[in-house]
Protein backbone atom coordinates (compact mmCIF):
# COMPACT_ATOMS: atom_id res chain seq x y z
CA UNK A 1 91.26 108.48 112.38
CA UNK A 2 94.21 106.72 110.76
CA UNK A 3 94.56 106.44 107.00
CA UNK A 4 93.74 102.75 107.19
CA UNK A 5 90.59 103.43 109.20
CA UNK A 6 89.60 106.09 106.69
CA UNK A 7 90.21 103.70 103.78
CA UNK A 8 88.04 101.02 105.41
CA UNK A 9 85.25 103.53 105.97
CA UNK A 10 85.47 104.65 102.33
CA UNK A 11 85.22 101.03 101.23
CA UNK A 12 82.14 100.48 103.42
CA UNK A 13 80.34 103.56 102.12
CA UNK A 14 81.13 102.91 98.48
CA UNK A 15 80.08 99.27 98.78
CA UNK A 16 76.67 100.45 99.98
CA UNK A 17 76.35 103.02 97.21
CA UNK A 18 77.68 100.82 94.41
CA UNK A 19 76.99 97.18 95.34
CA UNK A 20 77.77 96.03 91.81
CA UNK A 21 81.46 96.72 91.25
CA UNK A 22 82.60 95.88 87.76
CA UNK A 23 84.78 97.03 84.92
CA UNK A 24 83.08 99.42 82.51
CA UNK A 25 84.68 97.75 79.51
CA UNK A 26 82.82 94.97 77.71
CA UNK A 27 84.87 91.84 77.11
CA UNK A 28 84.66 88.08 76.97
CA UNK A 29 88.13 86.57 76.77
CA UNK A 30 91.14 87.81 78.78
CA UNK A 31 92.90 89.14 75.69
CA UNK A 32 89.83 91.21 74.87
CA UNK A 33 90.11 93.05 78.19
CA UNK A 34 93.81 93.58 77.51
CA UNK A 35 93.07 95.11 74.11
CA UNK A 36 90.07 97.11 75.32
CA UNK A 37 92.11 98.67 78.10
CA UNK A 38 94.80 99.68 75.63
CA UNK A 39 92.14 101.30 73.47
CA UNK A 40 90.72 103.15 76.48
CA UNK A 41 93.85 105.27 76.93
CA UNK A 42 92.74 108.89 76.45
CA UNK A 43 89.38 107.59 75.27
CA UNK A 44 86.09 106.88 77.02
CA UNK A 45 85.04 103.35 77.91
CA UNK A 46 81.75 104.04 76.13
CA UNK A 47 83.55 104.73 72.86
CA UNK A 48 85.71 101.63 73.26
CA UNK A 49 82.62 99.50 73.82
CA UNK A 50 81.19 100.80 70.55
CA UNK A 51 84.35 99.89 68.65
CA UNK A 52 85.30 96.49 70.03
CA UNK A 53 82.36 94.36 68.81
CA UNK A 54 83.42 94.79 65.16
CA UNK A 55 87.10 94.52 66.10
CA UNK A 56 86.69 91.24 67.98
CA UNK A 57 84.40 89.85 65.29
CA UNK A 58 87.07 90.54 62.67
CA UNK A 59 89.84 89.05 64.84
CA UNK A 60 88.26 86.35 67.08
CA UNK A 61 91.50 85.08 68.62
CA UNK A 62 94.96 86.21 69.72
CA UNK A 63 96.43 84.38 66.72
CA UNK A 64 94.26 86.43 64.36
CA UNK A 65 95.46 89.73 65.85
CA UNK A 66 99.06 88.51 65.64
CA UNK A 67 98.88 88.26 61.84
CA UNK A 68 96.60 91.27 61.30
CA UNK A 69 97.60 94.01 58.88
CA UNK A 70 98.29 97.31 60.58
CA UNK A 71 96.11 99.48 58.26
CA UNK A 72 93.12 97.16 58.81
CA UNK A 73 93.35 97.42 62.60
CA UNK A 74 93.89 101.17 62.39
CA UNK A 75 90.71 101.56 60.36
CA UNK A 76 88.64 99.64 62.91
CA UNK A 77 89.88 101.58 65.95
CA UNK A 78 90.32 105.01 64.40
CA UNK A 79 87.59 106.66 66.48
CA UNK A 80 89.37 105.72 69.72
CA UNK A 81 92.13 108.24 69.08
CA UNK A 82 95.88 107.62 68.91
CA UNK A 83 94.86 104.77 66.63
CA UNK A 84 98.21 104.34 64.92
CA UNK A 85 100.10 103.74 68.16
CA UNK A 86 97.31 101.61 69.61
CA UNK A 87 97.03 99.43 66.51
CA UNK A 88 100.78 98.86 66.50
CA UNK A 89 100.77 97.91 70.19
CA UNK A 90 97.79 95.57 69.84
CA UNK A 91 99.41 93.60 67.03
CA UNK A 92 102.78 93.55 68.79
CA UNK A 93 101.32 92.40 72.13
CA UNK A 94 99.40 89.60 70.43
CA UNK A 95 102.50 88.46 68.57
CA UNK A 96 104.36 88.35 71.85
CA UNK A 97 101.50 86.46 73.49
CA UNK A 98 101.72 83.84 70.74
CA UNK A 99 105.51 83.62 70.72
CA UNK A 100 106.22 83.74 74.47
CA UNK A 101 103.02 82.62 76.20
CA UNK A 102 101.33 80.23 73.81
CA UNK A 103 98.51 82.70 73.22
CA UNK A 104 97.57 82.79 76.92
CA UNK A 105 97.39 86.12 78.76
CA UNK A 106 99.81 86.04 81.76
CA UNK A 107 98.40 86.27 85.27
CA UNK A 108 101.02 88.48 86.92
CA UNK A 109 101.72 92.19 86.71
CA UNK A 110 105.40 91.46 86.12
CA UNK A 111 104.75 89.36 83.01
CA UNK A 112 101.94 91.52 81.68
CA UNK A 113 104.03 94.68 81.75
CA UNK A 114 106.52 93.02 79.42
CA UNK A 115 103.90 93.23 76.68
CA UNK A 116 104.03 96.22 74.31
CA UNK A 117 101.76 99.05 75.41
CA UNK A 118 100.85 97.45 78.74
CA UNK A 119 101.48 99.48 81.89
CA UNK A 120 100.74 98.71 85.51
CA UNK A 121 97.17 100.06 85.32
CA UNK A 122 96.25 97.65 82.54
CA UNK A 123 98.19 94.80 84.13
CA UNK A 124 96.48 95.27 87.50
CA UNK A 125 93.06 95.40 85.84
CA UNK A 126 93.66 92.09 84.05
CA UNK A 127 95.15 90.43 87.14
CA UNK A 128 92.22 91.56 89.29
CA UNK A 129 89.27 91.14 86.94
CA UNK A 130 90.35 88.10 84.96
CA UNK A 131 92.35 86.13 87.50
CA UNK A 132 90.73 87.33 90.72
CA UNK A 133 94.00 88.28 92.37
CA UNK A 134 94.45 91.33 94.64
CA UNK A 135 95.07 94.35 92.44
CA UNK A 136 95.06 98.15 92.65
CA UNK A 137 94.10 99.88 89.40
CA UNK A 138 95.45 103.41 89.63
CA UNK A 139 93.59 105.25 86.92
CA UNK A 140 92.89 108.98 86.92
CA UNK A 141 89.83 108.60 89.19
CA UNK A 142 91.72 106.55 91.76
CA UNK A 143 94.68 108.93 91.84
CA UNK A 144 92.60 112.10 92.01
CA UNK A 145 90.07 110.93 94.60
CA UNK A 146 92.52 109.21 96.96
CA UNK A 147 94.62 112.38 96.88
CA UNK A 148 91.57 114.45 97.78
CA UNK A 149 90.71 112.08 100.62
CA UNK A 150 94.24 112.32 101.96
CA UNK A 151 94.91 108.62 101.51
CA UNK A 152 97.68 109.32 99.00
CA UNK A 153 99.81 112.32 98.14
CA UNK A 154 101.21 111.71 94.68
CA UNK A 155 100.15 112.00 91.04
CA UNK A 156 102.42 109.12 90.09
CA UNK A 157 100.38 105.94 89.57
CA UNK A 158 103.06 103.59 90.89
CA UNK A 159 103.57 105.65 94.04
CA UNK A 160 99.81 105.81 94.63
CA UNK A 161 99.56 102.05 94.17
CA UNK A 162 102.26 101.51 96.79
CA UNK A 163 100.66 103.99 99.19
CA UNK A 164 97.27 102.29 98.92
CA UNK A 165 98.50 98.72 99.24
CA UNK A 166 98.93 98.74 103.06
CA UNK A 167 95.60 100.56 103.50
CA UNK A 168 93.29 98.28 101.49
CA UNK A 169 92.30 94.70 102.33
CA UNK A 170 93.64 92.61 99.40
CA UNK A 171 90.25 91.04 98.76
CA UNK A 172 88.57 94.44 98.39
CA UNK A 173 91.23 96.51 96.64
CA UNK A 174 90.21 95.74 93.04
CA UNK A 175 86.52 96.49 93.55
CA UNK A 176 87.37 99.62 95.54
CA UNK A 177 89.11 100.97 92.44
CA UNK A 178 86.10 100.12 90.26
CA UNK A 179 83.80 101.90 92.69
CA UNK A 180 86.04 104.98 92.62
CA UNK A 181 85.41 105.17 88.87
CA UNK A 182 81.64 105.21 89.40
CA UNK A 183 82.03 107.70 92.24
CA UNK A 184 84.28 109.94 90.15
CA UNK A 185 81.77 110.01 87.32
CA UNK A 186 78.70 110.59 89.47
CA UNK A 187 79.76 112.63 92.51
CA UNK A 188 83.41 113.62 92.71
CA UNK A 189 83.49 114.93 89.16
CA UNK A 190 86.84 116.52 88.34
CA UNK A 191 85.58 119.91 87.11
CA UNK A 192 82.35 120.12 89.10
CA UNK A 193 82.50 118.04 92.28
CA UNK A 194 79.18 117.58 94.05
CA UNK A 195 80.61 118.28 97.51
CA UNK A 196 77.25 119.19 99.03
CA UNK A 197 75.90 115.67 98.50
CA UNK A 198 79.14 113.71 98.78
CA UNK A 199 78.82 110.59 100.97
CA UNK A 200 82.56 110.78 101.65
CA UNK A 201 82.51 114.47 102.52
CA UNK A 202 83.14 113.88 106.22
CA UNK A 203 86.30 111.98 105.28
CA UNK A 204 87.60 114.35 102.63
CA UNK A 205 90.74 116.27 103.49
CA UNK A 206 90.03 118.77 100.71
CA UNK A 207 86.38 119.59 101.28
CA UNK A 208 85.89 123.32 100.59
CA UNK A 209 84.85 124.16 104.15
CA UNK A 210 88.01 122.51 105.45
CA UNK A 211 90.39 124.48 103.32
CA UNK A 212 92.68 126.69 105.34
CA UNK A 213 91.87 130.34 105.00
CA UNK A 214 94.72 132.81 104.81
CA UNK A 215 95.36 134.58 108.09
CA UNK A 216 93.97 138.10 108.27
CA UNK A 217 96.56 140.79 107.98
CA UNK A 218 97.05 142.89 111.07
CA UNK A 219 96.28 146.54 110.66
CA UNK A 220 99.17 148.86 111.20
CA UNK A 221 98.82 150.81 114.41
């Protein structure tokens, strides 16, 4: 089986298991997803979803974030961790959105990654979820699981993205990444993978029973 064939089979199985593929972050406007994703760095989506209602109520538009006072934003997002850096980035990105893009979130990875605090993972998420364009969101679940499956062989998000691009149909790539998140939380859990019940077990290059055993040492005659 080629890597592309394996990828297509993974897509088929995960589509059956998780028919509803969606982002775990709650948002309404495009800029809200941008901000929520920044907050989610080294923080759970659940925690972010608890914080953002009050944050977005206090600042209901990009223009409001652009003129926000740093200590006020810090106080609202403190429980997300790294709040000082995140608050600074959120205000700076919204100022840049107002100054360079008329308050509109760009629809390309190239433009989005010009914004403070926005990397390719965030940019791909916005491009895919908001604008419906082909995207590959290489978060920790995507990187770890595609490495285990043998579809990719790097821990670098950009390299993984480039390795996956020729394997995934453009129209399915974004939702495949969302489904990997669900799969990584439910079955292929980092510290306690449920290999015995894994629906992708027959495709996994790192399944325990497929690991190479060291050759037995010959006894001296």
